[in-house]
PDB file of all heavy atoms in Angstrom:
ATOM      1  N   MET A   1     115.742 -91.621 192.461  1.00  0.00           N
ATOM      2  CA  MET A   1     114.526 -91.325 191.998  1.00  0.00           C
ATOM      3  C   MET A   1     114.292 -91.739 190.531  1.00  0.00           C
ATOM      4  O   MET A   1     113.149 -92.259 190.194  1.00  0.00           O
ATOM      5  CB  MET A   1     114.123 -89.848 192.083  1.00  0.00           C
ATOM      6  CG  MET A   1     114.107 -89.453 193.622  1.00  0.00           C
ATOM      7  SD  MET A   1     112.905 -90.324 194.597  1.00  0.00           S
ATOM      8  CE  MET A   1     111.427 -90.094 193.660  1.00  0.00           C
ATOM      9  N   GLY A   2     115.297 -91.586 189.750  1.00  0.00           N
ATOM     10  CA  GLY A   2     115.140 -92.069 188.280  1.00  0.00           C
ATOM     11  C   GLY A   2     114.923 -93.596 188.276  1.00  0.00           C
ATOM     12  O   GLY A   2     114.139 -94.172 187.425  1.00  0.00           O
ATOM     13  N   THR A   3     115.522 -94.377 189.124  1.00  0.00           N
ATOM     14  CA  THR A   3     115.445 -95.725 189.168  1.00  0.00           C
ATOM     15  C   THR A   3     114.095 -96.121 189.640  1.00  0.00           C
ATOM     16  O   THR A   3     113.385 -97.092 189.152  1.00  0.00           O
ATOM     17  CB  THR A   3     116.466 -96.483 190.072  1.00  0.00           C
ATOM     18  OG1 THR A   3     117.782 -96.002 189.613  1.00  0.00           O
ATOM     19  CG2 THR A   3     116.431 -97.917 190.056  1.00  0.00           C
ATOM     20  N   VAL A   4     113.544 -95.357 190.647  1.00  0.00           N
ATOM     21  CA  VAL A   4     112.152 -95.664 191.136  1.00  0.00           C
ATOM     22  C   VAL A   4     111.135 -95.395 190.077  1.00  0.00           C
ATOM     23  O   VAL A   4     110.235 -96.212 189.806  1.00  0.00           O
ATOM     24  CB  VAL A   4     111.922 -94.762 192.400  1.00  0.00           C
ATOM     25  CG1 VAL A   4     110.496 -94.877 192.757  1.00  0.00           C
ATOM     26  CG2 VAL A   4     112.788 -95.208 193.520  1.00  0.00           C
ATOM     27  N   ILE A   5     111.352 -94.293 189.247  1.00  0.00           N
ATOM     28  CA  ILE A   5     110.378 -93.982 188.244  1.00  0.00           C
ATOM     29  C   ILE A   5     110.436 -95.142 187.183  1.00  0.00           C
ATOM     30  O   ILE A   5     109.458 -95.588 186.641  1.00  0.00           O
ATOM     31  CB  ILE A   5     110.704 -92.651 187.619  1.00  0.00           C
ATOM     32  CG1 ILE A   5     110.400 -91.539 188.615  1.00  0.00           C
ATOM     33  CG2 ILE A   5     109.804 -92.411 186.364  1.00  0.00           C
ATOM     34  CD1 ILE A   5     110.810 -90.190 188.265  1.00  0.00           C
ATOM     35  N   GLY A   6     111.667 -95.426 186.772  1.00  0.00           N
ATOM     36  CA  GLY A   6     111.789 -96.530 185.736  1.00  0.00           C
ATOM     37  C   GLY A   6     111.252 -97.832 186.279  1.00  0.00           C
ATOM     38  O   GLY A   6     110.645 -98.631 185.486  1.00  0.00           O
ATOM     39  N   ALA A   7     111.454 -98.151 187.562  1.00  0.00           N
ATOM     40  CA  ALA A   7     110.902 -99.422 187.948  1.00  0.00           C
ATOM     41  C   ALA A   7     109.419 -99.482 187.982  1.00  0.00           C
ATOM     42  O   ALA A   7     108.773-100.464 187.710  1.00  0.00           O
ATOM     43  CB  ALA A   7     111.397 -99.696 189.444  1.00  0.00           C
ATOM     44  N   LEU A   8     108.823 -98.356 188.548  1.00  0.00           N
ATOM     45  CA  LEU A   8     107.317 -98.223 188.524  1.00  0.00           C
ATOM     46  C   LEU A   8     106.768 -98.333 187.159  1.00  0.00           C
ATOM     47  O   LEU A   8     105.573 -99.057 186.842  1.00  0.00           O
ATOM     48  CB  LEU A   8     106.891 -96.984 189.264  1.00  0.00           C
ATOM     49  CG  LEU A   8     107.116 -96.872 190.825  1.00  0.00           C
ATOM     50  CD1 LEU A   8     106.851 -95.546 191.352  1.00  0.00           C
ATOM     51  CD2 LEU A   8     106.601 -98.048 191.476  1.00  0.00           C
ATOM     52  N   LEU A   9     107.314 -97.739 186.127  1.00  0.00           N
ATOM     53  CA  LEU A   9     106.859 -97.710 184.741  1.00  0.00           C
ATOM     54  C   LEU A   9     107.057 -98.927 184.056  1.00  0.00           C
ATOM     55  O   LEU A   9     106.243 -99.474 183.285  1.00  0.00           O
ATOM     56  CB  LEU A   9     107.316 -96.562 183.918  1.00  0.00           C
ATOM     57  CG  LEU A   9     106.991 -95.140 184.487  1.00  0.00           C
ATOM     58  CD1 LEU A   9     107.579 -94.091 183.650  1.00  0.00           C
ATOM     59  CD2 LEU A   9     105.402 -94.926 184.440  1.00  0.00           C
ATOM     60  N   SER A  10     108.212 -99.570 184.288  1.00  0.00           N
ATOM     61  CA  SER A  10     108.532-100.722 183.516  1.00  0.00           C
ATOM     62  C   SER A  10     107.967-102.036 184.083  1.00  0.00           C
ATOM     63  O   SER A  10     107.839-103.083 183.291  1.00  0.00           O
ATOM     64  CB  SER A  10     110.169-100.895 183.497  1.00  0.00           C
ATOM     65  OG  SER A  10     110.575-101.246 184.768  1.00  0.00           O
ATOM     66  N   PHE A  11     107.581-102.071 185.358  1.00  0.00           N
ATOM     67  CA  PHE A  11     107.101-103.352 185.958  1.00  0.00           C
ATOM     68  C   PHE A  11     105.711-103.764 185.188  1.00  0.00           C
ATOM     69  O   PHE A  11     105.668-104.923 184.841  1.00  0.00           O
ATOM     70  CB  PHE A  11     106.821-103.068 187.395  1.00  0.00           C
ATOM     71  CG  PHE A  11     106.532-104.360 188.175  1.00  0.00           C
ATOM     72  CD1 PHE A  11     107.473-105.325 188.371  1.00  0.00           C
ATOM     73  CD2 PHE A  11     105.206-104.543 188.656  1.00  0.00           C
ATOM     74  CE1 PHE A  11     107.110-106.454 188.998  1.00  0.00           C
ATOM     75  CE2 PHE A  11     104.957-105.770 189.359  1.00  0.00           C
ATOM     76  CZ  PHE A  11     105.926-106.701 189.463  1.00  0.00           C
ATOM     77  N   PRO A  12     104.747-102.934 185.095  1.00  0.00           N
ATOM     78  CA  PRO A  12     103.599-103.454 184.283  1.00  0.00           C
ATOM     79  C   PRO A  12     103.793-103.663 182.803  1.00  0.00           C
ATOM     80  O   PRO A  12     103.346-104.526 182.183  1.00  0.00           O
ATOM     81  CB  PRO A  12     102.556-102.254 184.364  1.00  0.00           C
ATOM     82  CG  PRO A  12     103.354-101.053 184.844  1.00  0.00           C
ATOM     83  CD  PRO A  12     104.504-101.670 185.539  1.00  0.00           C
ATOM     84  N   LEU A  13     104.762-102.913 182.188  1.00  0.00           N
ATOM     85  CA  LEU A  13     105.111-103.073 180.814  1.00  0.00           C
ATOM     86  C   LEU A  13     105.780-104.365 180.553  1.00  0.00           C
ATOM     87  O   LEU A  13     105.683-105.071 179.506  1.00  0.00           O
ATOM     88  CB  LEU A  13     105.928-101.853 180.271  1.00  0.00           C
ATOM     89  CG  LEU A  13     105.262-100.511 180.144  1.00  0.00           C
ATOM     90  CD1 LEU A  13     106.308 -99.499 179.725  1.00  0.00           C
ATOM     91  CD2 LEU A  13     104.122-100.583 179.065  1.00  0.00           C
ATOM     92  N   SER A  14     106.577-104.867 181.585  1.00  0.00           N
ATOM     93  CA  SER A  14     107.368-106.082 181.466  1.00  0.00           C
ATOM     94  C   SER A  14     106.361-107.239 181.370  1.00  0.00           C
ATOM     95  O   SER A  14     106.640-108.249 180.582  1.00  0.00           O
ATOM     96  CB  SER A  14     108.295-106.261 182.573  1.00  0.00           C
ATOM     97  OG  SER A  14     107.534-106.393 183.803  1.00  0.00           O
ATOM     98  N   PHE A  15     105.206-107.322 181.946  1.00  0.00           N
ATOM     99  CA  PHE A  15     104.232-108.249 181.846  1.00  0.00           C
ATOM    100  C   PHE A  15     103.596-108.223 180.507  1.00  0.00           C
ATOM    101  O   PHE A  15     103.345-109.320 179.888  1.00  0.00           O
ATOM    102  CB  PHE A  15     103.134-108.196 182.985  1.00  0.00           C
ATOM    103  CG  PHE A  15     103.640-108.517 184.224  1.00  0.00           C
ATOM    104  CD1 PHE A  15     104.190-107.645 185.160  1.00  0.00           C
ATOM    105  CD2 PHE A  15     103.576-109.843 184.690  1.00  0.00           C
ATOM    106  CE1 PHE A  15     104.686-107.974 186.398  1.00  0.00           C
ATOM    107  CE2 PHE A  15     104.004-110.222 185.911  1.00  0.00           C
ATOM    108  CZ  PHE A  15     104.451-109.338 186.805  1.00  0.00           C
ATOM    109  N   LEU A  16     103.432-107.017 179.894  1.00  0.00           N
ATOM    110  CA  LEU A  16     102.856-106.911 178.570  1.00  0.00           C
ATOM    111  C   LEU A  16     103.821-107.314 177.546  1.00  0.00           C
ATOM    112  O   LEU A  16     103.319-107.671 176.368  1.00  0.00           O
ATOM    113  CB  LEU A  16     102.274-105.534 178.340  1.00  0.00           C
ATOM    114  CG  LEU A  16     101.267-104.989 179.315  1.00  0.00           C
ATOM    115  CD1 LEU A  16     100.990-103.554 178.970  1.00  0.00           C
ATOM    116  CD2 LEU A  16      99.994-105.867 179.230  1.00  0.00           C
ATOM    117  N   ALA A  17     105.020-107.280 177.829  1.00  0.00           N
ATOM    118  CA  ALA A  17     106.105-107.617 176.842  1.00  0.00           C
ATOM    119  C   ALA A  17     106.597-109.220 176.960  1.00  0.00           C
ATOM    120  O   ALA A  17     107.352-109.606 176.160  1.00  0.00           O
ATOM    121  CB  ALA A  17     107.349-106.830 176.980  1.00  0.00           C
ATOM    122  N   ALA A  18     105.968-109.900 177.938  1.00  0.00           N
ATOM    123  CA  ALA A  18     106.347-111.334 178.103  1.00  0.00           C
ATOM    124  C   ALA A  18     105.385-112.142 177.291  1.00  0.00           C
ATOM    125  O   ALA A  18     104.229-112.131 177.440  1.00  0.00           O
ATOM    126  CB  ALA A  18     106.225-111.659 179.564  1.00  0.00           C
ATOM    127  N   SER A  19     106.047-113.014 176.442  1.00  0.00           N
ATOM    128  CA  SER A  19     105.175-113.811 175.595  1.00  0.00           C
ATOM    129  C   SER A  19     104.407-114.907 176.316  1.00  0.00           C
ATOM    130  O   SER A  19     103.418-115.388 175.663  1.00  0.00           O
ATOM    131  CB  SER A  19     106.132-114.501 174.577  1.00  0.00           C
ATOM    132  OG  SER A  19     107.150-115.310 175.129  1.00  0.00           O
ATOM    133  N   ASN A  20     104.801-115.335 177.470  1.00  0.00           N
ATOM    134  CA  ASN A  20     104.084-116.348 178.249  1.00  0.00           C
ATOM    135  C   ASN A  20     102.934-115.804 179.087  1.00  0.00           C
ATOM    136  O   ASN A  20     102.213-116.617 179.765  1.00  0.00           O
ATOM    137  CB  ASN A  20     105.023-117.183 179.054  1.00  0.00           C
ATOM    138  CG  ASN A  20     105.689-116.315 180.187  1.00  0.00           C
ATOM    139  OD1 ASN A  20     105.897-115.062 179.971  1.00  0.00           O
ATOM    140  ND2 ASN A  20     106.170-116.869 181.259  1.00  0.00           N
ATOM    141  N   VAL A  21     102.791-114.437 179.054  1.00  0.00           N
ATOM    142  CA  VAL A  21     101.738-113.886 179.888  1.00  0.00           C
ATOM    143  C   VAL A  21     100.701-113.159 178.926  1.00  0.00           C
ATOM    144  O   VAL A  21      99.477-113.207 179.146  1.00  0.00           O
ATOM    145  CB  VAL A  21     102.372-112.855 180.876  1.00  0.00           C
ATOM    146  CG1 VAL A  21     101.293-112.071 181.537  1.00  0.00           C
ATOM    147  CG2 VAL A  21     103.217-113.668 181.902  1.00  0.00           C
ATOM    148  N   ALA A  22     101.260-112.290 178.068  1.00  0.00           N
ATOM    149  CA  ALA A  22     100.290-111.458 177.211  1.00  0.00           C
ATOM    150  C   ALA A  22     100.177-111.971 175.835  1.00  0.00           C
ATOM    151  O   ALA A  22     101.092-112.809 175.369  1.00  0.00           O
ATOM    152  CB  ALA A  22     101.012-110.024 177.110  1.00  0.00           C
ATOM    153  N   PRO A  23      99.106-111.669 175.084  1.00  0.00           N
ATOM    154  CA  PRO A  23      98.971-112.243 173.724  1.00  0.00           C
ATOM    155  C   PRO A  23      99.980-111.501 172.820  1.00  0.00           C
ATOM    156  O   PRO A  23     100.481-110.518 173.029  1.00  0.00           O
ATOM    157  CB  PRO A  23      97.633-111.804 173.457  1.00  0.00           C
ATOM    158  CG  PRO A  23      97.195-110.645 174.350  1.00  0.00           C
ATOM    159  CD  PRO A  23      97.949-110.957 175.604  1.00  0.00           C
ATOM    160  N   ARG A  24     100.129-112.123 171.648  1.00  0.00           N
ATOM    161  CA  ARG A  24     101.030-111.773 170.655  1.00  0.00           C
ATOM    162  C   ARG A  24     100.960-110.278 170.198  1.00  0.00           C
ATOM    163  O   ARG A  24     101.763-109.606 169.943  1.00  0.00           O
ATOM    164  CB  ARG A  24     101.366-112.724 169.592  1.00  0.00           C
ATOM    165  CG  ARG A  24     102.349-112.399 168.546  1.00  0.00           C
ATOM    166  CD  ARG A  24     102.487-113.433 167.477  1.00  0.00           C
ATOM    167  NE  ARG A  24     103.555-113.150 166.487  1.00  0.00           N
ATOM    168  CZ  ARG A  24     104.832-113.405 166.673  1.00  0.00           C
ATOM    169  NH1 ARG A  24     105.245-114.040 167.804  1.00  0.00           N
ATOM    170  NH2 ARG A  24     105.750-113.088 165.647  1.00  0.00           N
ATOM    171  N   TRP A  25      99.638-109.973 169.994  1.00  0.00           N
ATOM    172  CA  TRP A  25      99.186-108.747 169.478  1.00  0.00           C
ATOM    173  C   TRP A  25      99.609-107.546 170.405  1.00  0.00           C
ATOM    174  O   TRP A  25      99.590-106.365 170.034  1.00  0.00           O
ATOM    175  CB  TRP A  25      97.828-108.648 168.976  1.00  0.00           C
ATOM    176  CG  TRP A  25      96.751-108.895 170.134  1.00  0.00           C
ATOM    177  CD1 TRP A  25      96.299-110.101 170.480  1.00  0.00           C
ATOM    178  CD2 TRP A  25      96.246-107.847 170.927  1.00  0.00           C
ATOM    179  NE1 TRP A  25      95.485-109.893 171.519  1.00  0.00           N
ATOM    180  CE2 TRP A  25      95.342-108.534 171.774  1.00  0.00           C
ATOM    181  CE3 TRP A  25      96.338-106.484 170.939  1.00  0.00           C
ATOM    182  CZ2 TRP A  25      94.573-107.843 172.708  1.00  0.00           C
ATOM    183  CZ3 TRP A  25      95.505-105.851 171.957  1.00  0.00           C
ATOM    184  CH2 TRP A  25      94.663-106.570 172.776  1.00  0.00           C
ATOM    185  N   VAL A  26      99.745-107.902 171.649  1.00  0.00           N
ATOM    186  CA  VAL A  26     100.164-106.994 172.735  1.00  0.00           C
ATOM    187  C   VAL A  26     101.685-106.957 172.920  1.00  0.00           C
ATOM    188  O   VAL A  26     102.277-105.921 173.129  1.00  0.00           O
ATOM    189  CB  VAL A  26      99.466-107.207 174.048  1.00  0.00           C
ATOM    190  CG1 VAL A  26      99.986-106.324 175.164  1.00  0.00           C
ATOM    191  CG2 VAL A  26      97.972-107.079 173.929  1.00  0.00           C
ATOM    192  N   VAL A  27     102.319-108.209 173.016  1.00  0.00           N
ATOM    193  CA  VAL A  27     103.758-108.328 173.080  1.00  0.00           C
ATOM    194  C   VAL A  27     104.518-107.458 172.162  1.00  0.00           C
ATOM    195  O   VAL A  27     105.432-106.750 172.354  1.00  0.00           O
ATOM    196  CB  VAL A  27     104.081-109.721 173.116  1.00  0.00           C
ATOM    197  CG1 VAL A  27     105.605-109.911 173.135  1.00  0.00           C
ATOM    198  CG2 VAL A  27     103.409-110.403 174.219  1.00  0.00           C
ATOM    199  N   LEU A  28     104.256-107.718 170.840  1.00  0.00           N
ATOM    200  CA  LEU A  28     105.047-107.033 169.707  1.00  0.00           C
ATOM    201  C   LEU A  28     105.004-105.500 169.858  1.00  0.00           C
ATOM    202  O   LEU A  28     106.175-104.956 169.736  1.00  0.00           O
ATOM    203  CB  LEU A  28     104.452-107.492 168.428  1.00  0.00           C
ATOM    204  CG  LEU A  28     104.655-108.801 167.969  1.00  0.00           C
ATOM    205  CD1 LEU A  28     104.133-109.292 166.705  1.00  0.00           C
ATOM    206  CD2 LEU A  28     106.163-109.295 168.051  1.00  0.00           C
ATOM    207  N   PRO A  29     103.941-104.717 170.003  1.00  0.00           N
ATOM    208  CA  PRO A  29     104.060-103.249 170.075  1.00  0.00           C
ATOM    209  C   PRO A  29     104.776-102.774 171.396  1.00  0.00           C
ATOM    210  O   PRO A  29     105.416-101.825 171.279  1.00  0.00           O
ATOM    211  CB  PRO A  29     102.646-102.723 170.048  1.00  0.00           C
ATOM    212  CG  PRO A  29     101.812-103.964 170.304  1.00  0.00           C
ATOM    213  CD  PRO A  29     102.631-105.137 169.820  1.00  0.00           C
ATOM    214  N   VAL A  30     104.529-103.518 172.430  1.00  0.00           N
ATOM    215  CA  VAL A  30     105.170-103.253 173.654  1.00  0.00           C
ATOM    216  C   VAL A  30     106.670-103.364 173.614  1.00  0.00           C
ATOM    217  O   VAL A  30     107.506-102.495 174.077  1.00  0.00           O
ATOM    218  CB  VAL A  30     104.576-103.869 174.900  1.00  0.00           C
ATOM    219  CG1 VAL A  30     105.372-103.674 176.157  1.00  0.00           C
ATOM    220  CG2 VAL A  30     103.046-103.576 175.174  1.00  0.00           C
ATOM    221  N   ARG A  31     107.117-104.450 172.982  1.00  0.00           N
ATOM    222  CA  ARG A  31     108.490-104.680 172.847  1.00  0.00           C
ATOM    223  C   ARG A  31     109.148-103.564 171.953  1.00  0.00           C
ATOM    224  O   ARG A  31     110.294-103.077 172.229  1.00  0.00           O
ATOM    225  CB  ARG A  31     108.732-106.034 172.251  1.00  0.00           C
ATOM    226  CG  ARG A  31     108.552-107.214 173.227  1.00  0.00           C
ATOM    227  CD  ARG A  31     109.037-108.490 172.709  1.00  0.00           C
ATOM    228  NE  ARG A  31     108.777-109.623 173.651  1.00  0.00           N
ATOM    229  CZ  ARG A  31     109.174-110.829 173.412  1.00  0.00           C
ATOM    230  NH1 ARG A  31     109.555-111.203 172.234  1.00  0.00           N
ATOM    231  NH2 ARG A  31     109.025-111.781 174.334  1.00  0.00           N
ATOM    232  N   GLN A  32     108.422-103.198 170.932  1.00  0.00           N
ATOM    233  CA  GLN A  32     108.928-102.111 170.037  1.00  0.00           C
ATOM    234  C   GLN A  32     109.047-100.766 170.834  1.00  0.00           C
ATOM    235  O   GLN A  32     110.049-100.032 170.552  1.00  0.00           O
ATOM    236  CB  GLN A  32     108.147-101.986 168.818  1.00  0.00           C
ATOM    237  CG  GLN A  32     108.101-103.081 167.836  1.00  0.00           C
ATOM    238  CD  GLN A  32     109.547-103.570 167.529  1.00  0.00           C
ATOM    239  OE1 GLN A  32     110.331-102.676 167.053  1.00  0.00           O
ATOM    240  NE2 GLN A  32     109.837-104.868 167.373  1.00  0.00           N
ATOM    241  N   LEU A  33     108.079-100.536 171.686  1.00  0.00           N
ATOM    242  CA  LEU A  33     108.191 -99.297 172.514  1.00  0.00           C
ATOM    243  C   LEU A  33     109.359 -99.384 173.424  1.00  0.00           C
ATOM    244  O   LEU A  33     110.076 -98.328 173.465  1.00  0.00           O
ATOM    245  CB  LEU A  33     106.862 -99.196 173.284  1.00  0.00           C
ATOM    246  CG  LEU A  33     106.823 -98.033 174.310  1.00  0.00           C
ATOM    247  CD1 LEU A  33     106.960 -96.721 173.636  1.00  0.00           C
ATOM    248  CD2 LEU A  33     105.585 -98.198 175.072  1.00  0.00           C
ATOM    249  N   LEU A  34     109.651-100.482 174.122  1.00  0.00           N
ATOM    250  CA  LEU A  34     110.813-100.570 174.840  1.00  0.00           C
ATOM    251  C   LEU A  34     112.109-100.369 174.064  1.00  0.00           C
ATOM    252  O   LEU A  34     113.052 -99.881 174.548  1.00  0.00           O
ATOM    253  CB  LEU A  34     110.783-101.897 175.601  1.00  0.00           C
ATOM    254  CG  LEU A  34     109.561-102.174 176.545  1.00  0.00           C
ATOM    255  CD1 LEU A  34     109.644-103.601 177.152  1.00  0.00           C
ATOM    256  CD2 LEU A  34     109.604-101.065 177.599  1.00  0.00           C
ATOM    257  N   ASN A  35     112.087-100.940 172.899  1.00  0.00           N
ATOM    258  CA  ASN A  35     113.284-100.878 171.969  1.00  0.00           C
ATOM    259  C   ASN A  35     113.579 -99.326 171.590  1.00  0.00           C
ATOM    260  O   ASN A  35     114.731 -98.918 171.649  1.00  0.00           O
ATOM    261  CB  ASN A  35     113.107-101.631 170.740  1.00  0.00           C
ATOM    262  CG  ASN A  35     113.120-103.276 171.070  1.00  0.00           C
ATOM    263  OD1 ASN A  35     113.757-103.629 171.865  1.00  0.00           O
ATOM    264  ND2 ASN A  35     112.576-103.914 170.108  1.00  0.00           N
ATOM    265  N   ILE A  36     112.432 -98.553 171.331  1.00  0.00           N
ATOM    266  CA  ILE A  36     112.773 -97.241 171.014  1.00  0.00           C
ATOM    267  C   ILE A  36     113.239 -96.424 172.220  1.00  0.00           C
ATOM    268  O   ILE A  36     114.178 -95.618 171.956  1.00  0.00           O
ATOM    269  CB  ILE A  36     111.363 -96.620 170.613  1.00  0.00           C
ATOM    270  CG1 ILE A  36     110.907 -97.292 169.232  1.00  0.00           C
ATOM    271  CG2 ILE A  36     111.427 -95.152 170.422  1.00  0.00           C
ATOM    272  CD1 ILE A  36     109.508 -96.845 168.787  1.00  0.00           C
ATOM    273  N   ILE A  37     112.562 -96.703 173.360  1.00  0.00           N
ATOM    274  CA  ILE A  37     113.175 -95.991 174.577  1.00  0.00           C
ATOM    275  C   ILE A  37     114.631 -96.342 174.922  1.00  0.00           C
ATOM    276  O   ILE A  37     115.369 -95.486 175.199  1.00  0.00           O
ATOM    277  CB  ILE A  37     112.275 -96.396 175.802  1.00  0.00           C
ATOM    278  CG1 ILE A  37     110.868 -95.826 175.537  1.00  0.00           C
ATOM    279  CG2 ILE A  37     112.827 -95.752 177.059  1.00  0.00           C
ATOM    280  CD1 ILE A  37     109.768 -96.239 176.698  1.00  0.00           C
ATOM    281  N   ARG A  38     114.948 -97.644 174.797  1.00  0.00           N
ATOM    282  CA  ARG A  38     116.280 -98.087 175.023  1.00  0.00           C
ATOM    283  C   ARG A  38     117.208 -97.510 174.010  1.00  0.00           C
ATOM    284  O   ARG A  38     118.532 -97.360 174.270  1.00  0.00           O
ATOM    285  CB  ARG A  38     116.323 -99.622 174.993  1.00  0.00           C
ATOM    286  CG  ARG A  38     117.552-100.225 175.578  1.00  0.00           C
ATOM    287  CD  ARG A  38     117.475-101.709 175.867  1.00  0.00           C
ATOM    288  NE  ARG A  38     117.205-102.489 174.687  1.00  0.00           N
ATOM    289  CZ  ARG A  38     115.972-102.994 174.382  1.00  0.00           C
ATOM    290  NH1 ARG A  38     115.015-102.780 175.194  1.00  0.00           N
ATOM    291  NH2 ARG A  38     115.847-103.610 173.197  1.00  0.00           N
ATOM    292  N   ALA A  39     116.844 -97.090 172.827  1.00  0.00           N
ATOM    293  CA  ALA A  39     117.637 -96.572 171.764  1.00  0.00           C
ATOM    294  C   ALA A  39     118.034 -95.122 171.946  1.00  0.00           C
ATOM    295  O   ALA A  39     119.024 -94.678 171.479  1.00  0.00           O
ATOM    296  CB  ALA A  39     117.087 -96.820 170.414  1.00  0.00           C
ATOM    297  N   LEU A  40     117.283 -94.550 172.831  1.00  0.00           N
ATOM    298  CA  LEU A  40     117.531 -93.157 172.990  1.00  0.00           C
ATOM    299  C   LEU A  40     118.371 -92.824 174.206  1.00  0.00           C
ATOM    300  O   LEU A  40     118.147 -93.239 175.339  1.00  0.00           O
ATOM    301  CB  LEU A  40     116.170 -92.421 173.342  1.00  0.00           C
ATOM    302  CG  LEU A  40     115.167 -92.300 172.086  1.00  0.00           C
ATOM    303  CD1 LEU A  40     113.936 -91.693 172.568  1.00  0.00           C
ATOM    304  CD2 LEU A  40     115.741 -91.534 171.014  1.00  0.00           C
ATOM    305  N   PRO A  41     119.539 -92.205 174.085  1.00  0.00           N
ATOM    306  CA  PRO A  41     120.496 -91.947 175.181  1.00  0.00           C
ATOM    307  C   PRO A  41     119.686 -90.954 176.333  1.00  0.00           C
ATOM    308  O   PRO A  41     118.885 -90.196 175.831  1.00  0.00           O
ATOM    309  CB  PRO A  41     121.732 -91.374 174.699  1.00  0.00           C
ATOM    310  CG  PRO A  41     121.665 -91.682 173.191  1.00  0.00           C
ATOM    311  CD  PRO A  41     120.089 -91.812 172.868  1.00  0.00           C
ATOM    312  N   GLU A  42     120.221 -91.108 177.471  1.00  0.00           N
ATOM    313  CA  GLU A  42     119.565 -90.285 178.514  1.00  0.00           C
ATOM    314  C   GLU A  42     119.884 -88.766 178.154  1.00  0.00           C
ATOM    315  O   GLU A  42     119.005 -87.835 178.469  1.00  0.00           O
ATOM    316  CB  GLU A  42     120.093 -90.657 179.960  1.00  0.00           C
ATOM    317  CG  GLU A  42     119.545 -91.857 180.470  1.00  0.00           C
ATOM    318  CD  GLU A  42     120.357 -93.135 180.021  1.00  0.00           C
ATOM    319  OE1 GLU A  42     121.205 -92.896 179.194  1.00  0.00           O
ATOM    320  OE2 GLU A  42     119.964 -94.279 180.355  1.00  0.00           O
TER     321      GLU A  42
END
């Protein structure tokens, strides 16, 4: 269930963090958000 929740939430965010899909002003804050989440242990 944790993987399902992570997949559902990360799937749209991954498009917003991809430089070939989203504009730069969207990519940078979304990538920083993902970095912050990744830095926090479960």
